[in-house]
Amino acid sequence: MGKRILITGASRGIGRAIASMLSEVDNYLFLQGRDESALKQTLEIVNLRRADGEIILADLSQSSDVFALAGRFSDKPIDILINNAGMAVVKPIEDITLEEWHKTFAVNVTAPFLLTQQLFPKMDRGSAIVNISSIAAKNGFPGWSSYCMSKFALEGFTQSLREEARDRGIRVINIYPAATATDIWNDIQGDWPRKKMLSADEVADAVRYALSCPSDVLVDTISLGTIWGTL
């Protein structure tokens, strides 16, 4: 029987790779993002792999958009929620604006919280919630204070949620990728060794593996790196 899957940040990068990996026959994928053209390209990949789905335009930095997104599933629950969307502001602490700080928290923490809060009560036993975290949830890096703050916060939320979900038979999974070669680096100053980074497909494959385990088996965390280290 197919699964109803919501993937945030599905326009490109890790989100698109996850959509491709989970595009099995009978699965129905809800693809959230802000770039309609890019989302349509993701949907084409999903369809080519014999799954079906639809795109949903929403800005996760806006709570009204998040509530509207969750409201689409008021009649029929989803089976898998993948909180993948994220943003990074990489600046010295003195250069981060209050608006950037709040927006980082809104996208990386508040949106997953609100979506989970709205969708979790209706999810059935055997369902799953996957949060795409980062090694920045475990380590601080210079210039990444707002991003690390948000991932540390998501870590605490996920750990608590996992315990609440346990008795209901709902799995809560955290994926911790090291630096991953996606478009996020286009807006970050510096010479980053993308050839030494993880690929989006490698992260997506970890998601697929965790979800492929029997419903009573919880792979609660997967940490991913390369032989080059954390970069």
C-alpha atoms as a PDB file:
ATOM      1  CA  MET A   1       0.000   0.000   0.000  1.00  0.00           C
ATOM      2  CA  GLY A   2       1.341   3.405  -0.968  1.00  0.00           C
ATOM      3  CA  LYS A   3       2.349   6.151   1.445  1.00  0.00           C
ATOM      4  CA  ARG A   4       1.284   9.784   1.588  1.00  0.00           C
ATOM      5  CA  ILE A   5       4.501  11.754   2.078  1.00  0.00           C
ATOM      6  CA  LEU A   6       5.034  15.466   2.722  1.00  0.00           C
ATOM      7  CA  ILE A   7       8.533  16.760   1.938  1.00  0.00           C
ATOM      8  CA  THR A   8       9.399  20.362   2.722  1.00  0.00           C
ATOM      9  CA  GLY A   9      12.110  22.116   0.756  1.00  0.00           C
ATOM     10  CA  ALA A  10      11.553  19.807  -2.213  1.00  0.00           C
ATOM     11  CA  SER A  11      12.560  22.285  -4.906  1.00  0.00           C
ATOM     12  CA  ARG A  12      16.130  21.060  -5.212  1.00  0.00           C
ATOM     13  CA  GLY A  13      19.068  19.607  -3.299  1.00  0.00           C
ATOM     14  CA  ILE A  14      18.389  17.130  -0.510  1.00  0.00           C
ATOM     15  CA  GLY A  15      14.622  17.588  -0.752  1.00  0.00           C
ATOM     16  CA  ARG A  16      14.549  16.736  -4.442  1.00  0.00           C
ATOM     17  CA  ALA A  17      16.846  13.750  -3.863  1.00  0.00           C
ATOM     18  CA  ILE A  18      14.553  12.457  -1.103  1.00  0.00           C
ATOM     19  CA  ALA A  19      11.543  12.839  -3.385  1.00  0.00           C
ATOM     20  CA  SER A  20      13.295  10.827  -6.065  1.00  0.00           C
ATOM     21  CA  MET A  21      14.351   8.088  -3.614  1.00  0.00           C
ATOM     22  CA  LEU A  22      10.828   7.731  -2.209  1.00  0.00           C
ATOM     23  CA  SER A  23       9.068   7.740  -5.574  1.00  0.00           C
ATOM     24  CA  GLU A  24       7.787   4.198  -5.419  1.00  0.00           C
ATOM     25  CA  VAL A  25       4.664   3.000  -7.188  1.00  0.00           C
ATOM     26  CA  ASP A  26       1.502   3.999  -5.288  1.00  0.00           C
ATOM     27  CA  ASN A  27       3.300   6.580  -3.140  1.00  0.00           C
ATOM     28  CA  TYR A  28       1.839  10.089  -3.306  1.00  0.00           C
ATOM     29  CA  LEU A  29       4.279  12.927  -2.623  1.00  0.00           C
ATOM     30  CA  PHE A  30       3.366  16.429  -1.514  1.00  0.00           C
ATOM     31  CA  LEU A  31       6.266  18.668  -2.534  1.00  0.00           C
ATOM     32  CA  GLN A  32       6.567  21.984  -0.681  1.00  0.00           C
ATOM     33  CA  GLY A  33       8.758  24.867  -1.714  1.00  0.00           C
ATOM     34  CA  ARG A  34       8.768  28.476  -2.894  1.00  0.00           C
ATOM     35  CA  ASP A  35      10.071  28.028  -6.455  1.00  0.00           C
ATOM     36  CA  GLU A  36       7.215  26.792  -8.639  1.00  0.00           C
ATOM     37  CA  SER A  37       9.386  26.043 -11.650  1.00  0.00           C
ATOM     38  CA  ALA A  38      11.875  24.009  -9.604  1.00  0.00           C
ATOM     39  CA  LEU A  39       9.066  22.131  -7.847  1.00  0.00           C
ATOM     40  CA  LYS A  40       7.585  21.177 -11.208  1.00  0.00           C
ATOM     41  CA  GLN A  41      10.965  19.731 -12.179  1.00  0.00           C
ATOM     42  CA  THR A  42      10.971  17.664  -8.986  1.00  0.00           C
ATOM     43  CA  LEU A  43       7.450  16.458  -9.736  1.00  0.00           C
ATOM     44  CA  GLU A  44       8.568  15.387 -13.229  1.00  0.00           C
ATOM     45  CA  ILE A  45      11.261  13.224 -11.617  1.00  0.00           C
ATOM     46  CA  VAL A  46       8.679  11.733  -9.268  1.00  0.00           C
ATOM     47  CA  ASN A  47       6.366  10.926 -12.166  1.00  0.00           C
ATOM     48  CA  LEU A  48       9.160   9.396 -14.228  1.00  0.00           C
ATOM     49  CA  ARG A  49       9.782   7.012 -11.345  1.00  0.00           C
ATOM     50  CA  ARG A  50       6.103   5.964 -11.497  1.00  0.00           C
ATOM     51  CA  ALA A  51       4.904   7.762  -8.391  1.00  0.00           C
ATOM     52  CA  ASP A  52       2.395  10.590  -8.234  1.00  0.00           C
ATOM     53  CA  GLY A  53       2.208  13.839  -6.346  1.00  0.00           C
ATOM     54  CA  GLU A  54       1.561  17.548  -6.324  1.00  0.00           C
ATOM     55  CA  ILE A  55       3.424  20.765  -5.601  1.00  0.00           C
ATOM     56  CA  ILE A  56       2.551  23.141  -2.782  1.00  0.00           C
ATOM     57  CA  LEU A  57       3.837  26.708  -2.776  1.00  0.00           C
ATOM     58  CA  ALA A  58       4.432  27.976   0.761  1.00  0.00           C
ATOM     59  CA  ASP A  59       6.908  30.224   2.567  1.00  0.00           C
ATOM     60  CA  LEU A  60       7.827  28.424   5.788  1.00  0.00           C
ATOM     61  CA  SER A  61       9.154  31.608   7.363  1.00  0.00           C
ATOM     62  CA  GLN A  62       5.512  32.744   7.546  1.00  0.00           C
ATOM     63  CA  SER A  63       3.391  30.979  10.181  1.00  0.00           C
ATOM     64  CA  SER A  64       0.232  31.648   8.155  1.00  0.00           C
ATOM     65  CA  ASP A  65       1.675  29.660   5.248  1.00  0.00           C
ATOM     66  CA  VAL A  66       2.660  26.818   7.562  1.00  0.00           C
ATOM     67  CA  PHE A  67      -0.842  26.607   9.043  1.00  0.00           C
ATOM     68  CA  ALA A  68      -2.331  26.676   5.545  1.00  0.00           C
ATOM     69  CA  LEU A  69       0.016  23.885   4.465  1.00  0.00           C
ATOM     70  CA  ALA A  70      -0.971  21.729   7.448  1.00  0.00           C
ATOM     71  CA  GLY A  71      -4.629  22.470   6.830  1.00  0.00           C
ATOM     72  CA  ARG A  72      -4.481  20.675   3.485  1.00  0.00           C
ATOM     73  CA  PHE A  73      -4.318  17.403   5.416  1.00  0.00           C
ATOM     74  CA  SER A  74      -7.207  17.958   7.813  1.00  0.00           C
ATOM     75  CA  ASP A  75      -9.382  15.306   6.129  1.00  0.00           C
ATOM     76  CA  LYS A  76      -6.823  12.640   5.298  1.00  0.00           C
ATOM     77  CA  PRO A  77      -3.612  12.263   7.340  1.00  0.00           C
ATOM     78  CA  ILE A  78      -0.158  11.740   5.905  1.00  0.00           C
ATOM     79  CA  ASP A  79       2.032   8.740   6.626  1.00  0.00           C
ATOM     80  CA  ILE A  80       5.434  10.397   6.524  1.00  0.00           C
ATOM     81  CA  LEU A  81       6.441  13.981   7.331  1.00  0.00           C
ATOM     82  CA  ILE A  82       9.934  14.981   6.221  1.00  0.00           C
ATOM     83  CA  ASN A  83      11.036  18.334   7.639  1.00  0.00           C
ATOM     84  CA  ASN A  84      13.841  19.093   5.219  1.00  0.00           C
ATOM     85  CA  ALA A  85      13.529  22.810   4.408  1.00  0.00           C
ATOM     86  CA  GLY A  86      16.222  24.949   5.961  1.00  0.00           C
ATOM     87  CA  MET A  87      18.229  28.130   5.627  1.00  0.00           C
ATOM     88  CA  ALA A  88      21.657  29.246   6.748  1.00  0.00           C
ATOM     89  CA  VAL A  89      23.010  32.685   7.575  1.00  0.00           C
ATOM     90  CA  VAL A  90      26.798  32.518   7.777  1.00  0.00           C
ATOM     91  CA  LYS A  91      28.245  35.698   9.259  1.00  0.00           C
ATOM     92  CA  PRO A  92      30.273  36.849  12.242  1.00  0.00           C
ATOM     93  CA  ILE A  93      28.021  37.304  15.256  1.00  0.00           C
ATOM     94  CA  GLU A  94      28.239  41.095  15.094  1.00  0.00           C
ATOM     95  CA  ASP A  95      26.904  41.135  11.518  1.00  0.00           C
ATOM     96  CA  ILE A  96      23.781  38.988  12.001  1.00  0.00           C
ATOM     97  CA  THR A  97      20.626  41.089  11.962  1.00  0.00           C
ATOM     98  CA  LEU A  98      17.711  40.406  14.259  1.00  0.00           C
ATOM     99  CA  GLU A  99      15.561  39.725  11.183  1.00  0.00           C
ATOM    100  CA  GLU A 100      18.021  37.066   9.964  1.00  0.00           C
ATOM    101  CA  TRP A 101      18.124  35.476  13.423  1.00  0.00           C
ATOM    102  CA  HIS A 102      14.316  35.296  13.639  1.00  0.00           C
ATOM    103  CA  LYS A 103      13.935  34.013  10.072  1.00  0.00           C
ATOM    104  CA  THR A 104      16.494  31.258  10.631  1.00  0.00           C
ATOM    105  CA  PHE A 105      14.593  30.104  13.702  1.00  0.00           C
ATOM    106  CA  ALA A 106      11.257  30.373  11.895  1.00  0.00           C
ATOM    107  CA  VAL A 107      12.277  28.160   8.970  1.00  0.00           C
ATOM    108  CA  ASN A 108      14.536  25.686  10.775  1.00  0.00           C
ATOM    109  CA  VAL A 109      12.620  25.255  14.043  1.00  0.00           C
ATOM    110  CA  THR A 110       9.179  26.877  14.156  1.00  0.00           C
ATOM    111  CA  ALA A 111       8.005  25.428  10.838  1.00  0.00           C
ATOM    112  CA  PRO A 112       8.900  21.827  11.792  1.00  0.00           C
ATOM    113  CA  PHE A 113       7.276  22.402  15.194  1.00  0.00           C
ATOM    114  CA  LEU A 114       4.033  23.754  13.737  1.00  0.00           C
ATOM    115  CA  LEU A 115       3.776  21.116  11.018  1.00  0.00           C
ATOM    116  CA  THR A 116       4.422  18.369  13.554  1.00  0.00           C
ATOM    117  CA  GLN A 117       1.990  19.852  16.059  1.00  0.00           C
ATOM    118  CA  GLN A 118      -0.768  20.020  13.450  1.00  0.00           C
ATOM    119  CA  LEU A 119      -0.139  16.679  11.697  1.00  0.00           C
ATOM    120  CA  PHE A 120       1.150  14.391  14.445  1.00  0.00           C
ATOM    121  CA  PRO A 121      -2.192  13.928  16.301  1.00  0.00           C
ATOM    122  CA  LYS A 122      -3.789  12.491  13.143  1.00  0.00           C
ATOM    123  CA  MET A 123      -0.935  10.191  12.133  1.00  0.00           C
ATOM    124  CA  ASP A 124      -1.522   6.459  12.487  1.00  0.00           C
ATOM    125  CA  ARG A 125       0.650   3.782  14.084  1.00  0.00           C
ATOM    126  CA  GLY A 126       3.496   2.972  11.718  1.00  0.00           C
ATOM    127  CA  SER A 127       3.823   6.558  10.511  1.00  0.00           C
ATOM    128  CA  ALA A 128       7.117   8.452  10.681  1.00  0.00           C
ATOM    129  CA  ILE A 129       8.524  11.943  11.111  1.00  0.00           C
ATOM    130  CA  VAL A 130      11.986  12.628   9.688  1.00  0.00           C
ATOM    131  CA  ASN A 131      13.924  15.765  10.561  1.00  0.00           C
ATOM    132  CA  ILE A 132      16.895  16.625   8.371  1.00  0.00           C
ATOM    133  CA  SER A 133      19.269  18.054  10.922  1.00  0.00           C
ATOM    134  CA  SER A 134      23.032  18.610  10.623  1.00  0.00           C
ATOM    135  CA  ILE A 135      26.305  18.008  12.375  1.00  0.00           C
ATOM    136  CA  ALA A 136      25.721  21.638  13.388  1.00  0.00           C
ATOM    137  CA  ALA A 137      23.218  20.223  15.898  1.00  0.00           C
ATOM    138  CA  LYS A 138      26.164  18.724  17.774  1.00  0.00           C
ATOM    139  CA  ASN A 139      29.062  21.095  17.106  1.00  0.00           C
ATOM    140  CA  GLY A 140      29.483  24.838  16.943  1.00  0.00           C
ATOM    141  CA  PHE A 141      31.327  26.422  14.015  1.00  0.00           C
ATOM    142  CA  PRO A 142      32.661  29.989  13.729  1.00  0.00           C
ATOM    143  CA  GLY A 143      30.354  32.181  11.695  1.00  0.00           C
ATOM    144  CA  TRP A 144      27.486  29.688  11.931  1.00  0.00           C
ATOM    145  CA  SER A 145      25.984  30.761  15.252  1.00  0.00           C
ATOM    146  CA  SER A 146      22.415  31.325  14.028  1.00  0.00           C
ATOM    147  CA  TYR A 147      22.380  28.077  12.046  1.00  0.00           C
ATOM    148  CA  CYS A 148      23.886  26.047  14.902  1.00  0.00           C
ATOM    149  CA  MET A 149      21.403  27.634  17.317  1.00  0.00           C
ATOM    150  CA  SER A 150      18.508  26.471  15.163  1.00  0.00           C
ATOM    151  CA  LYS A 151      19.808  22.925  14.717  1.00  0.00           C
ATOM    152  CA  PHE A 152      20.555  22.540  18.445  1.00  0.00           C
ATOM    153  CA  ALA A 153      16.968  23.653  19.098  1.00  0.00           C
ATOM    154  CA  LEU A 154      15.610  21.172  16.552  1.00  0.00           C
ATOM    155  CA  GLU A 155      17.634  18.454  18.268  1.00  0.00           C
ATOM    156  CA  GLY A 156      15.982  19.077  21.632  1.00  0.00           C
ATOM    157  CA  PHE A 157      12.554  19.198  20.040  1.00  0.00           C
ATOM    158  CA  THR A 158      13.133  15.936  18.182  1.00  0.00           C
ATOM    159  CA  GLN A 159      14.385  14.070  21.232  1.00  0.00           C
ATOM    160  CA  SER A 160      11.331  15.064  23.259  1.00  0.00           C
ATOM    161  CA  LEU A 161       8.934  14.347  20.400  1.00  0.00           C
ATOM    162  CA  ARG A 162      10.437  10.878  19.961  1.00  0.00           C
ATOM    163  CA  GLU A 163       9.497   9.980  23.528  1.00  0.00           C
ATOM    164  CA  GLU A 164       5.956  11.328  23.104  1.00  0.00           C
ATOM    165  CA  ALA A 165       5.527   9.365  19.875  1.00  0.00           C
ATOM    166  CA  ARG A 166       6.902   6.083  21.160  1.00  0.00           C
ATOM    167  CA  ASP A 167       3.684   4.757  22.736  1.00  0.00           C
ATOM    168  CA  ARG A 168       1.735   5.633  19.601  1.00  0.00           C
ATOM    169  CA  GLY A 169       4.029   3.582  17.388  1.00  0.00           C
ATOM    170  CA  ILE A 170       5.184   6.612  15.392  1.00  0.00           C
ATOM    171  CA  ARG A 171       8.875   6.757  14.554  1.00  0.00           C
ATOM    172  CA  VAL A 172      10.803  10.028  14.892  1.00  0.00           C
ATOM    173  CA  ILE A 173      14.089  10.027  12.988  1.00  0.00           C
ATOM    174  CA  ASN A 174      16.936  12.532  12.900  1.00  0.00           C
ATOM    175  CA  ILE A 175      19.438  12.607  10.024  1.00  0.00           C
ATOM    176  CA  TYR A 176      22.742  14.419  10.680  1.00  0.00           C
ATOM    177  CA  PRO A 177      24.593  15.116   7.419  1.00  0.00           C
ATOM    178  CA  ALA A 178      28.005  16.678   7.319  1.00  0.00           C
ATOM    179  CA  ALA A 179      28.557  19.353   4.682  1.00  0.00           C
ATOM    180  CA  THR A 180      26.491  18.445   1.622  1.00  0.00           C
ATOM    181  CA  ALA A 181      27.053  19.752  -1.897  1.00  0.00           C
ATOM    182  CA  THR A 182      23.844  21.669  -2.566  1.00  0.00           C
ATOM    183  CA  ASP A 183      22.960  25.149  -3.800  1.00  0.00           C
ATOM    184  CA  ILE A 184      23.052  26.487  -0.243  1.00  0.00           C
ATOM    185  CA  TRP A 185      26.781  27.100  -0.723  1.00  0.00           C
ATOM    186  CA  ASN A 186      26.139  29.491  -3.608  1.00  0.00           C
ATOM    187  CA  ASP A 187      25.250  32.259  -1.157  1.00  0.00           C
ATOM    188  CA  ILE A 188      27.976  31.535   1.389  1.00  0.00           C
ATOM    189  CA  GLN A 189      31.267  33.362   0.987  1.00  0.00           C
ATOM    190  CA  GLY A 190      34.406  31.275   0.965  1.00  0.00           C
ATOM    191  CA  ASP A 191      36.152  28.561  -1.000  1.00  0.00           C
ATOM    192  CA  TRP A 192      34.275  25.403  -0.007  1.00  0.00           C
ATOM    193  CA  PRO A 193      35.572  21.998  -1.209  1.00  0.00           C
ATOM    194  CA  ARG A 194      32.313  20.712  -2.682  1.00  0.00           C
ATOM    195  CA  LYS A 195      33.981  17.684  -4.274  1.00  0.00           C
ATOM    196  CA  LYS A 196      34.789  16.421  -0.778  1.00  0.00           C
ATOM    197  CA  MET A 197      31.238  16.917   0.509  1.00  0.00           C
ATOM    198  CA  LEU A 198      28.402  14.444   0.738  1.00  0.00           C
ATOM    199  CA  SER A 199      26.012  14.338  -2.178  1.00  0.00           C
ATOM    200  CA  ALA A 200      22.298  14.997  -1.768  1.00  0.00           C
ATOM    201  CA  ASP A 201      21.650  11.428  -2.956  1.00  0.00           C
ATOM    202  CA  GLU A 202      23.736  10.017  -0.113  1.00  0.00           C
ATOM    203  CA  VAL A 203      21.644  11.889   2.437  1.00  0.00           C
ATOM    204  CA  ALA A 204      18.433  10.811   0.722  1.00  0.00           C
ATOM    205  CA  ASP A 205      19.580   7.201   0.744  1.00  0.00           C
ATOM    206  CA  ALA A 206      19.951   7.378   4.535  1.00  0.00           C
ATOM    207  CA  VAL A 207      16.356   8.615   4.770  1.00  0.00           C
ATOM    208  CA  ARG A 208      15.162   5.788   2.560  1.00  0.00           C
ATOM    209  CA  TYR A 209      17.036   3.227   4.647  1.00  0.00           C
ATOM    210  CA  ALA A 210      15.604   4.469   7.942  1.00  0.00           C
ATOM    211  CA  LEU A 211      12.080   4.413   6.524  1.00  0.00           C
ATOM    212  CA  SER A 212      12.536   0.986   4.932  1.00  0.00           C
ATOM    213  CA  CYS A 213      12.992  -0.740   8.283  1.00  0.00           C
ATOM    214  CA  PRO A 214       9.972  -2.576   9.728  1.00  0.00           C
ATOM    215  CA  SER A 215       7.528  -0.218  11.428  1.00  0.00           C
ATOM    216  CA  ASP A 216       8.471  -1.538  14.873  1.00  0.00           C
ATOM    217  CA  VAL A 217      12.191  -0.921  14.269  1.00  0.00           C
ATOM    218  CA  LEU A 218      13.370   2.594  15.052  1.00  0.00           C
ATOM    219  CA  VAL A 219      16.583   3.833  13.484  1.00  0.00           C
ATOM    220  CA  ASP A 220      16.362   7.049  15.451  1.00  0.00           C
ATOM    221  CA  THR A 221      19.568   8.756  14.310  1.00  0.00           C
ATOM    222  CA  ILE A 222      21.894   8.496  11.338  1.00  0.00           C
ATOM    223  CA  SER A 223      25.087  10.550  11.211  1.00  0.00           C
ATOM    224  CA  LEU A 224      26.720  10.982   7.815  1.00  0.00           C
ATOM    225  CA  GLY A 225      30.201  12.185   6.991  1.00  0.00           C
ATOM    226  CA  THR A 226      32.977  11.546   4.524  1.00  0.00           C
ATOM    227  CA  ILE A 227      36.514  10.265   4.918  1.00  0.00           C
ATOM    228  CA  TRP A 228      37.576  13.906   4.640  1.00  0.00           C
ATOM    229  CA  GLY A 229      35.913  14.756   7.959  1.00  0.00           C
ATOM    230  CA  THR A 230      33.259  17.359   8.702  1.00  0.00           C
ATOM    231  CA  LEU A 231      34.731  20.076   6.429  1.00  0.00           C
END
